[in-house]
Full PDB file with SEQRES, HELIX, SHEET, SSBOND, CRYST1, ORIGX, SCALE, CONECT and MASTER records, all heavy atoms in Angstrom:
SEQRES   1 A   35  TYR ILE GLY HIS GLY SER GLY GLU VAL THR VAL GLY PHE          
SEQRES   2 A   35  THR THR ALA PRO ARG SER PRO LEU GLY GLU SER PHE GLN          
SEQRES   3 A   35  SER GLN MET MET LEU ASN GLU ASP LEU                          
CRYST1    1.000    1.000    1.000  90.00  90.00  90.00 P 1           1          
ORIGX1      1.000000  0.000000  0.000000        0.00000                         
ORIGX2      0.000000  1.000000  0.000000        0.00000                         
ORIGX3      0.000000  0.000000  1.000000        0.00000                         
SCALE1      1.000000  0.000000  0.000000        0.00000                         
SCALE2      0.000000  1.000000  0.000000        0.00000                         
SCALE3      0.000000  0.000000  1.000000        0.00000                         
ATOM      1  N   TYR A   1     -11.298   4.779 -22.007  1.00  0.00           N  
ATOM      2  CA  TYR A   1     -11.616   6.010 -21.284  1.00  0.00           C  
ATOM      3  C   TYR A   1     -12.407   5.713 -20.013  1.00  0.00           C  
ATOM      4  O   TYR A   1     -12.925   6.628 -19.358  1.00  0.00           O  
ATOM      5  CB  TYR A   1     -12.381   6.994 -22.178  1.00  0.00           C  
ATOM      6  CG  TYR A   1     -13.686   6.481 -22.725  1.00  0.00           C  
ATOM      7  CD1 TYR A   1     -14.839   6.464 -21.949  1.00  0.00           C  
ATOM      8  CD2 TYR A   1     -13.777   6.018 -24.037  1.00  0.00           C  
ATOM      9  CE1 TYR A   1     -16.041   5.999 -22.452  1.00  0.00           C  
ATOM     10  CE2 TYR A   1     -14.980   5.563 -24.551  1.00  0.00           C  
ATOM     11  CZ  TYR A   1     -16.109   5.556 -23.758  1.00  0.00           C  
ATOM     12  OH  TYR A   1     -17.298   5.094 -24.265  1.00  0.00           O  
ATOM     13  N   ILE A   2     -12.506   4.441 -19.646  1.00  0.00           N  
ATOM     14  CA  ILE A   2     -13.167   4.004 -18.412  1.00  0.00           C  
ATOM     15  C   ILE A   2     -14.637   4.459 -18.426  1.00  0.00           C  
ATOM     16  O   ILE A   2     -15.011   5.460 -17.819  1.00  0.00           O  
ATOM     17  CB  ILE A   2     -12.427   4.510 -17.162  1.00  0.00           C  
ATOM     18  CG1 ILE A   2     -10.958   4.054 -17.211  1.00  0.00           C  
ATOM     19  CG2 ILE A   2     -13.084   4.002 -15.902  1.00  0.00           C  
ATOM     20  CD1 ILE A   2     -10.105   4.562 -16.067  1.00  0.00           C  
ATOM     21  N   GLY A   3     -15.448   3.707 -19.147  1.00  0.00           N  
ATOM     22  CA  GLY A   3     -16.819   4.089 -19.413  1.00  0.00           C  
ATOM     23  C   GLY A   3     -17.786   3.888 -18.266  1.00  0.00           C  
ATOM     24  O   GLY A   3     -17.466   3.274 -17.240  1.00  0.00           O  
ATOM     25  N   HIS A   4     -18.994   4.395 -18.464  1.00  0.00           N  
ATOM     26  CA  HIS A   4     -20.052   4.344 -17.445  1.00  0.00           C  
ATOM     27  C   HIS A   4     -20.361   2.913 -17.009  1.00  0.00           C  
ATOM     28  O   HIS A   4     -20.540   2.643 -15.826  1.00  0.00           O  
ATOM     29  CB  HIS A   4     -21.321   5.003 -17.994  1.00  0.00           C  
ATOM     30  CG  HIS A   4     -22.553   4.678 -17.205  1.00  0.00           C  
ATOM     31  ND1 HIS A   4     -22.778   5.167 -15.939  1.00  0.00           N  
ATOM     32  CD2 HIS A   4     -23.627   3.880 -17.498  1.00  0.00           C  
ATOM     33  CE1 HIS A   4     -23.927   4.687 -15.484  1.00  0.00           C  
ATOM     34  NE2 HIS A   4     -24.464   3.920 -16.410  1.00  0.00           N  
ATOM     35  N   GLY A   5     -20.444   2.000 -17.950  1.00  0.00           N  
ATOM     36  CA  GLY A   5     -20.851   0.637 -17.635  1.00  0.00           C  
ATOM     37  C   GLY A   5     -19.699  -0.308 -17.382  1.00  0.00           C  
ATOM     38  O   GLY A   5     -19.861  -1.528 -17.469  1.00  0.00           O  
ATOM     39  N   SER A   6     -18.537   0.218 -17.062  1.00  0.00           N  
ATOM     40  CA  SER A   6     -17.382  -0.654 -16.848  1.00  0.00           C  
ATOM     41  C   SER A   6     -16.939  -0.614 -15.391  1.00  0.00           C  
ATOM     42  O   SER A   6     -17.212   0.340 -14.663  1.00  0.00           O  
ATOM     43  CB  SER A   6     -16.213  -0.242 -17.753  1.00  0.00           C  
ATOM     44  OG  SER A   6     -15.823   1.091 -17.482  1.00  0.00           O  
ATOM     45  N   GLY A   7     -16.254  -1.653 -14.964  1.00  0.00           N  
ATOM     46  CA  GLY A   7     -15.743  -1.713 -13.600  1.00  0.00           C  
ATOM     47  C   GLY A   7     -14.241  -1.903 -13.624  1.00  0.00           C  
ATOM     48  O   GLY A   7     -13.758  -2.930 -14.093  1.00  0.00           O  
ATOM     49  N   GLU A   8     -13.515  -0.907 -13.166  1.00  0.00           N  
ATOM     50  CA  GLU A   8     -12.056  -0.975 -13.121  1.00  0.00           C  
ATOM     51  C   GLU A   8     -11.600  -0.888 -11.667  1.00  0.00           C  
ATOM     52  O   GLU A   8     -11.786   0.151 -11.010  1.00  0.00           O  
ATOM     53  CB  GLU A   8     -11.412   0.162 -13.933  1.00  0.00           C  
ATOM     54  CG  GLU A   8     -11.567   0.013 -15.425  1.00  0.00           C  
ATOM     55  CD  GLU A   8     -12.906   0.476 -15.952  1.00  0.00           C  
ATOM     56  OE1 GLU A   8     -13.639   1.135 -15.189  1.00  0.00           O  
ATOM     57  OE2 GLU A   8     -13.225   0.174 -17.121  1.00  0.00           O  
ATOM     58  N   VAL A   9     -11.043  -1.976 -11.179  1.00  0.00           N  
ATOM     59  CA  VAL A   9     -10.645  -2.064  -9.773  1.00  0.00           C  
ATOM     60  C   VAL A   9      -9.199  -2.518  -9.702  1.00  0.00           C  
ATOM     61  O   VAL A   9      -8.796  -3.454 -10.408  1.00  0.00           O  
ATOM     62  CB  VAL A   9     -11.542  -3.062  -9.010  1.00  0.00           C  
ATOM     63  CG1 VAL A   9     -11.060  -3.235  -7.578  1.00  0.00           C  
ATOM     64  CG2 VAL A   9     -12.993  -2.606  -9.038  1.00  0.00           C  
ATOM     65  N   THR A  10      -8.423  -1.861  -8.861  1.00  0.00           N  
ATOM     66  CA  THR A  10      -7.035  -2.284  -8.678  1.00  0.00           C  
ATOM     67  C   THR A  10      -6.745  -2.474  -7.197  1.00  0.00           C  
ATOM     68  O   THR A  10      -7.226  -1.710  -6.346  1.00  0.00           O  
ATOM     69  CB  THR A  10      -6.064  -1.257  -9.300  1.00  0.00           C  
ATOM     70  OG1 THR A  10      -4.722  -1.694  -9.105  1.00  0.00           O  
ATOM     71  CG2 THR A  10      -6.227   0.108  -8.673  1.00  0.00           C  
ATOM     72  N   VAL A  11      -5.990  -3.512  -6.894  1.00  0.00           N  
ATOM     73  CA  VAL A  11      -5.572  -3.825  -5.529  1.00  0.00           C  
ATOM     74  C   VAL A  11      -4.065  -4.006  -5.552  1.00  0.00           C  
ATOM     75  O   VAL A  11      -3.530  -4.658  -6.455  1.00  0.00           O  
ATOM     76  CB  VAL A  11      -6.246  -5.122  -5.008  1.00  0.00           C  
ATOM     77  CG1 VAL A  11      -5.786  -5.425  -3.585  1.00  0.00           C  
ATOM     78  CG2 VAL A  11      -7.759  -5.010  -5.073  1.00  0.00           C  
ATOM     79  N   GLY A  12      -3.375  -3.420  -4.584  1.00  0.00           N  
ATOM     80  CA  GLY A  12      -1.928  -3.543  -4.554  1.00  0.00           C  
ATOM     81  C   GLY A  12      -1.418  -3.871  -3.169  1.00  0.00           C  
ATOM     82  O   GLY A  12      -2.063  -3.563  -2.162  1.00  0.00           O  
ATOM     83  N   PHE A  13      -0.257  -4.509  -3.119  1.00  0.00           N  
ATOM     84  CA  PHE A  13       0.382  -4.785  -1.829  1.00  0.00           C  
ATOM     85  C   PHE A  13       1.896  -4.749  -1.995  1.00  0.00           C  
ATOM     86  O   PHE A  13       2.420  -4.961  -3.088  1.00  0.00           O  
ATOM     87  CB  PHE A  13      -0.063  -6.135  -1.252  1.00  0.00           C  
ATOM     88  CG  PHE A  13       0.290  -7.338  -2.078  1.00  0.00           C  
ATOM     89  CD1 PHE A  13       1.505  -8.006  -1.905  1.00  0.00           C  
ATOM     90  CD2 PHE A  13      -0.597  -7.823  -3.026  1.00  0.00           C  
ATOM     91  CE1 PHE A  13       1.823  -9.131  -2.661  1.00  0.00           C  
ATOM     92  CE2 PHE A  13      -0.291  -8.951  -3.794  1.00  0.00           C  
ATOM     93  CZ  PHE A  13       0.927  -9.599  -3.610  1.00  0.00           C  
ATOM     94  N   THR A  14       2.585  -4.450  -0.911  1.00  0.00           N  
ATOM     95  CA  THR A  14       4.034  -4.505  -0.899  1.00  0.00           C  
ATOM     96  C   THR A  14       4.479  -5.584   0.072  1.00  0.00           C  
ATOM     97  O   THR A  14       3.894  -5.745   1.150  1.00  0.00           O  
ATOM     98  CB  THR A  14       4.671  -3.158  -0.513  1.00  0.00           C  
ATOM     99  OG1 THR A  14       6.093  -3.324  -0.381  1.00  0.00           O  
ATOM    100  CG2 THR A  14       4.119  -2.610   0.793  1.00  0.00           C  
ATOM    101  N   THR A  15       5.500  -6.317  -0.312  1.00  0.00           N  
ATOM    102  CA  THR A  15       6.027  -7.390   0.525  1.00  0.00           C  
ATOM    103  C   THR A  15       7.102  -6.893   1.479  1.00  0.00           C  
ATOM    104  O   THR A  15       7.665  -7.671   2.242  1.00  0.00           O  
ATOM    105  CB  THR A  15       6.625  -8.518  -0.342  1.00  0.00           C  
ATOM    106  OG1 THR A  15       7.761  -8.001  -1.062  1.00  0.00           O  
ATOM    107  CG2 THR A  15       5.593  -9.041  -1.322  1.00  0.00           C  
ATOM    108  N   ALA A  16       7.418  -5.590   1.406  1.00  0.00           N  
ATOM    109  CA  ALA A  16       8.415  -5.028   2.323  1.00  0.00           C  
ATOM    110  C   ALA A  16       7.971  -5.270   3.760  1.00  0.00           C  
ATOM    111  O   ALA A  16       6.791  -5.107   4.084  1.00  0.00           O  
ATOM    112  CB  ALA A  16       8.585  -3.536   2.059  1.00  0.00           C  
ATOM    113  N   PRO A  17       8.868  -5.665   4.635  1.00  0.00           N  
ATOM    114  CA  PRO A  17       8.474  -6.057   5.996  1.00  0.00           C  
ATOM    115  C   PRO A  17       7.883  -4.921   6.806  1.00  0.00           C  
ATOM    116  O   PRO A  17       8.270  -3.766   6.667  1.00  0.00           O  
ATOM    117  CB  PRO A  17       9.795  -6.551   6.615  1.00  0.00           C  
ATOM    118  CG  PRO A  17      10.864  -5.884   5.804  1.00  0.00           C  
ATOM    119  CD  PRO A  17      10.318  -5.779   4.413  1.00  0.00           C  
ATOM    120  N   ARG A  18       6.916  -5.275   7.632  1.00  0.00           N  
ATOM    121  CA  ARG A  18       6.325  -4.357   8.604  1.00  0.00           C  
ATOM    122  C   ARG A  18       6.854  -4.704   9.985  1.00  0.00           C  
ATOM    123  O   ARG A  18       7.426  -5.774  10.201  1.00  0.00           O  
ATOM    124  CB  ARG A  18       4.802  -4.505   8.608  1.00  0.00           C  
ATOM    125  CG  ARG A  18       4.131  -4.126   7.306  1.00  0.00           C  
ATOM    126  CD  ARG A  18       2.702  -4.652   7.245  1.00  0.00           C  
ATOM    127  NE  ARG A  18       1.910  -4.287   8.409  1.00  0.00           N  
ATOM    128  CZ  ARG A  18       1.172  -3.186   8.494  1.00  0.00           C  
ATOM    129  NH1 ARG A  18       1.146  -2.345   7.482  1.00  0.00           N  
ATOM    130  NH2 ARG A  18       0.455  -2.924   9.562  1.00  0.00           N  
ATOM    131  N   SER A  19       6.653  -3.829  10.931  1.00  0.00           N  
ATOM    132  CA  SER A  19       7.020  -4.141  12.308  1.00  0.00           C  
ATOM    133  C   SER A  19       6.155  -5.290  12.814  1.00  0.00           C  
ATOM    134  O   SER A  19       5.009  -5.445  12.394  1.00  0.00           O  
ATOM    135  CB  SER A  19       6.830  -2.917  13.202  1.00  0.00           C  
ATOM    136  OG  SER A  19       7.684  -1.864  12.803  1.00  0.00           O  
ATOM    137  N   PRO A  20       6.672  -6.114  13.728  1.00  0.00           N  
ATOM    138  CA  PRO A  20       5.890  -7.245  14.243  1.00  0.00           C  
ATOM    139  C   PRO A  20       4.577  -6.788  14.861  1.00  0.00           C  
ATOM    140  O   PRO A  20       4.505  -5.743  15.511  1.00  0.00           O  
ATOM    141  CB  PRO A  20       6.818  -7.848  15.303  1.00  0.00           C  
ATOM    142  CG  PRO A  20       8.188  -7.413  14.907  1.00  0.00           C  
ATOM    143  CD  PRO A  20       8.015  -6.059  14.289  1.00  0.00           C  
ATOM    144  N   LEU A  21       3.528  -7.575  14.642  1.00  0.00           N  
ATOM    145  CA  LEU A  21       2.234  -7.260  15.228  1.00  0.00           C  
ATOM    146  C   LEU A  21       2.288  -7.423  16.737  1.00  0.00           C  
ATOM    147  O   LEU A  21       3.069  -8.210  17.262  1.00  0.00           O  
ATOM    148  CB  LEU A  21       1.157  -8.176  14.640  1.00  0.00           C  
ATOM    149  CG  LEU A  21       0.880  -8.020  13.141  1.00  0.00           C  
ATOM    150  CD1 LEU A  21      -0.173  -9.027  12.706  1.00  0.00           C  
ATOM    151  CD2 LEU A  21       0.416  -6.608  12.815  1.00  0.00           C  
ATOM    152  N   GLY A  22       1.450  -6.702  17.435  1.00  0.00           N  
ATOM    153  CA  GLY A  22       1.383  -6.836  18.883  1.00  0.00           C  
ATOM    154  C   GLY A  22       2.199  -5.806  19.630  1.00  0.00           C  
ATOM    155  O   GLY A  22       2.036  -5.635  20.840  1.00  0.00           O  
ATOM    156  N   GLU A  23       3.092  -5.119  18.937  1.00  0.00           N  
ATOM    157  CA  GLU A  23       3.881  -4.092  19.604  1.00  0.00           C  
ATOM    158  C   GLU A  23       3.059  -2.814  19.751  1.00  0.00           C  
ATOM    159  O   GLU A  23       2.209  -2.503  18.925  1.00  0.00           O  
ATOM    160  CB  GLU A  23       5.158  -3.805  18.817  1.00  0.00           C  
ATOM    161  CG  GLU A  23       6.113  -4.992  18.762  1.00  0.00           C  
ATOM    162  CD  GLU A  23       7.438  -4.644  18.116  1.00  0.00           C  
ATOM    163  OE1 GLU A  23       7.591  -3.471  17.707  1.00  0.00           O  
ATOM    164  OE2 GLU A  23       8.310  -5.510  18.040  1.00  0.00           O  
ATOM    165  N   SER A  24       3.345  -2.053  20.805  1.00  0.00           N  
ATOM    166  CA  SER A  24       2.583  -0.827  21.059  1.00  0.00           C  
ATOM    167  C   SER A  24       2.816   0.221  19.986  1.00  0.00           C  
ATOM    168  O   SER A  24       1.901   0.973  19.626  1.00  0.00           O  
ATOM    169  CB  SER A  24       2.955  -0.260  22.433  1.00  0.00           C  
ATOM    170  OG  SER A  24       2.624  -1.174  23.457  1.00  0.00           O  
ATOM    171  N   PHE A  25       4.034   0.285  19.467  1.00  0.00           N  
ATOM    172  CA  PHE A  25       4.358   1.234  18.409  1.00  0.00           C  
ATOM    173  C   PHE A  25       5.013   0.479  17.261  1.00  0.00           C  
ATOM    174  O   PHE A  25       5.808  -0.437  17.487  1.00  0.00           O  
ATOM    175  CB  PHE A  25       5.307   2.330  18.921  1.00  0.00           C  
ATOM    176  CG  PHE A  25       4.697   3.183  19.999  1.00  0.00           C  
ATOM    177  CD1 PHE A  25       4.874   2.874  21.334  1.00  0.00           C  
ATOM    178  CD2 PHE A  25       3.924   4.285  19.656  1.00  0.00           C  
ATOM    179  CE1 PHE A  25       4.302   3.647  22.331  1.00  0.00           C  
ATOM    180  CE2 PHE A  25       3.346   5.070  20.648  1.00  0.00           C  
ATOM    181  CZ  PHE A  25       3.533   4.748  21.985  1.00  0.00           C  
ATOM    182  N   GLN A  26       4.640   0.872  16.049  1.00  0.00           N  
ATOM    183  CA  GLN A  26       5.174   0.209  14.867  1.00  0.00           C  
ATOM    184  C   GLN A  26       5.821   1.242  13.956  1.00  0.00           C  
ATOM    185  O   GLN A  26       5.360   2.373  13.854  1.00  0.00           O  
ATOM    186  CB  GLN A  26       4.071  -0.526  14.105  1.00  0.00           C  
ATOM    187  CG  GLN A  26       3.438  -1.647  14.919  1.00  0.00           C  
ATOM    188  CD  GLN A  26       2.400  -2.412  14.118  1.00  0.00           C  
ATOM    189  OE1 GLN A  26       1.945  -1.950  13.081  1.00  0.00           O  
ATOM    190  NE2 GLN A  26       2.036  -3.583  14.595  1.00  0.00           N  
ATOM    191  N   SER A  27       6.898   0.830  13.315  1.00  0.00           N  
ATOM    192  CA  SER A  27       7.565   1.699  12.347  1.00  0.00           C  
ATOM    193  C   SER A  27       7.610   0.997  11.000  1.00  0.00           C  
ATOM    194  O   SER A  27       7.549  -0.229  10.925  1.00  0.00           O  
ATOM    195  CB  SER A  27       8.987   2.037  12.812  1.00  0.00           C  
ATOM    196  OG  SER A  27       9.766   0.852  12.924  1.00  0.00           O  
ATOM    197  N   GLN A  28       7.715   1.785   9.944  1.00  0.00           N  
ATOM    198  CA  GLN A  28       7.739   1.220   8.595  1.00  0.00           C  
ATOM    199  C   GLN A  28       8.599   2.095   7.698  1.00  0.00           C  
ATOM    200  O   GLN A  28       8.419   3.316   7.661  1.00  0.00           O  
ATOM    201  CB  GLN A  28       6.321   1.133   8.017  1.00  0.00           C  
ATOM    202  CG  GLN A  28       6.263   0.526   6.628  1.00  0.00           C  
ATOM    203  CD  GLN A  28       4.854   0.499   6.073  1.00  0.00           C  
ATOM    204  OE1 GLN A  28       3.958   1.152   6.586  1.00  0.00           O  
ATOM    205  NE2 GLN A  28       4.641  -0.283   5.019  1.00  0.00           N  
ATOM    206  N   MET A  29       9.526   1.465   6.978  1.00  0.00           N  
ATOM    207  CA  MET A  29      10.338   2.208   6.037  1.00  0.00           C  
ATOM    208  C   MET A  29       9.509   2.494   4.794  1.00  0.00           C  
ATOM    209  O   MET A  29       8.707   1.669   4.369  1.00  0.00           O  
ATOM    210  CB  MET A  29      11.588   1.401   5.667  1.00  0.00           C  
ATOM    211  CG  MET A  29      12.579   2.176   4.803  1.00  0.00           C  
ATOM    212  SD  MET A  29      14.168   1.332   4.662  1.00  0.00           S  
ATOM    213  CE  MET A  29      13.690  -0.145   3.751  1.00  0.00           C  
ATOM    214  N   MET A  30       9.698   3.687   4.220  1.00  0.00           N  
ATOM    215  CA  MET A  30       8.962   4.036   3.006  1.00  0.00           C  
ATOM    216  C   MET A  30       9.839   4.877   2.097  1.00  0.00           C  
ATOM    217  O   MET A  30      10.823   5.481   2.525  1.00  0.00           O  
ATOM    218  CB  MET A  30       7.670   4.780   3.350  1.00  0.00           C  
ATOM    219  CG  MET A  30       7.868   6.105   4.040  1.00  0.00           C  
ATOM    220  SD  MET A  30       6.290   6.855   4.548  1.00  0.00           S  
ATOM    221  CE  MET A  30       5.853   5.773   5.920  1.00  0.00           C  
ATOM    222  N   LEU A  31       9.470   4.889   0.834  1.00  0.00           N  
ATOM    223  CA  LEU A  31      10.242   5.579  -0.190  1.00  0.00           C  
ATOM    224  C   LEU A  31      10.162   7.089  -0.019  1.00  0.00           C  
ATOM    225  O   LEU A  31       9.113   7.638   0.349  1.00  0.00           O  
ATOM    226  CB  LEU A  31       9.715   5.192  -1.577  1.00  0.00           C  
ATOM    227  CG  LEU A  31      10.448   5.731  -2.802  1.00  0.00           C  
ATOM    228  CD1 LEU A  31      11.847   5.136  -2.888  1.00  0.00           C  
ATOM    229  CD2 LEU A  31       9.658   5.419  -4.066  1.00  0.00           C  
ATOM    230  N   ASN A  32      11.267   7.767  -0.308  1.00  0.00           N  
ATOM    231  CA  ASN A  32      11.275   9.229  -0.349  1.00  0.00           C  
ATOM    232  C   ASN A  32      10.292   9.690  -1.426  1.00  0.00           C  
ATOM    233  O   ASN A  32      10.331   9.227  -2.564  1.00  0.00           O  
ATOM    234  CB  ASN A  32      12.691   9.729  -0.671  1.00  0.00           C  
ATOM    235  CG  ASN A  32      12.822  11.233  -0.598  1.00  0.00           C  
ATOM    236  OD1 ASN A  32      11.946  11.975  -1.048  1.00  0.00           O  
ATOM    237  ND2 ASN A  32      13.931  11.702  -0.058  1.00  0.00           N  
ATOM    238  N   GLU A  33       9.403  10.618  -1.078  1.00  0.00           N  
ATOM    239  CA  GLU A  33       8.377  11.066  -2.013  1.00  0.00           C  
ATOM    240  C   GLU A  33       8.963  11.615  -3.317  1.00  0.00           C  
ATOM    241  O   GLU A  33       8.336  11.530  -4.373  1.00  0.00           O  
ATOM    242  CB  GLU A  33       7.508  12.154  -1.366  1.00  0.00           C  
ATOM    243  CG  GLU A  33       6.651  11.668  -0.210  1.00  0.00           C  
ATOM    244  CD  GLU A  33       5.450  10.860  -0.658  1.00  0.00           C  
ATOM    245  OE1 GLU A  33       4.959  11.079  -1.775  1.00  0.00           O  
ATOM    246  OE2 GLU A  33       4.991  10.006   0.124  1.00  0.00           O  
ATOM    247  N   ASP A  34      10.158  12.163  -3.261  1.00  0.00           N  
ATOM    248  CA  ASP A  34      10.769  12.732  -4.462  1.00  0.00           C  
ATOM    249  C   ASP A  34      11.122  11.663  -5.496  1.00  0.00           C  
ATOM    250  O   ASP A  34      11.426  11.997  -6.649  1.00  0.00           O  
ATOM    251  CB  ASP A  34      12.031  13.524  -4.102  1.00  0.00           C  
ATOM    252  CG  ASP A  34      11.722  14.790  -3.314  1.00  0.00           C  
ATOM    253  OD1 ASP A  34      10.588  15.278  -3.434  1.00  0.00           O  
ATOM    254  OD2 ASP A  34      12.608  15.275  -2.583  1.00  0.00           O  
ATOM    255  N   LEU A  35      11.076  10.383  -5.092  1.00  0.00           N  
ATOM    256  CA  LEU A  35      11.423   9.287  -6.001  1.00  0.00           C  
ATOM    257  C   LEU A  35      10.188   8.513  -6.480  1.00  0.00           C  
ATOM    258  O   LEU A  35      10.317   7.471  -7.121  1.00  0.00           O  
ATOM    259  CB  LEU A  35      12.396   8.323  -5.317  1.00  0.00           C  
ATOM    260  CG  LEU A  35      13.732   8.926  -4.864  1.00  0.00           C  
ATOM    261  CD1 LEU A  35      14.563   7.884  -4.124  1.00  0.00           C  
ATOM    262  CD2 LEU A  35      14.511   9.470  -6.058  1.00  0.00           C  
TER     263      LEU A  35                                                      
MASTER        0    0    0    0    0    0    0    6  262    1    0    3          
END                                                                             
């Protein structure tokens, strides 16, 4: 039940490609929220 004296931490990342760094504008594909 995630108690008072406990520490629960989660970190996540996706390997899906991002737009190259350094460009003025970047785009990123993402999942349809309905899915």
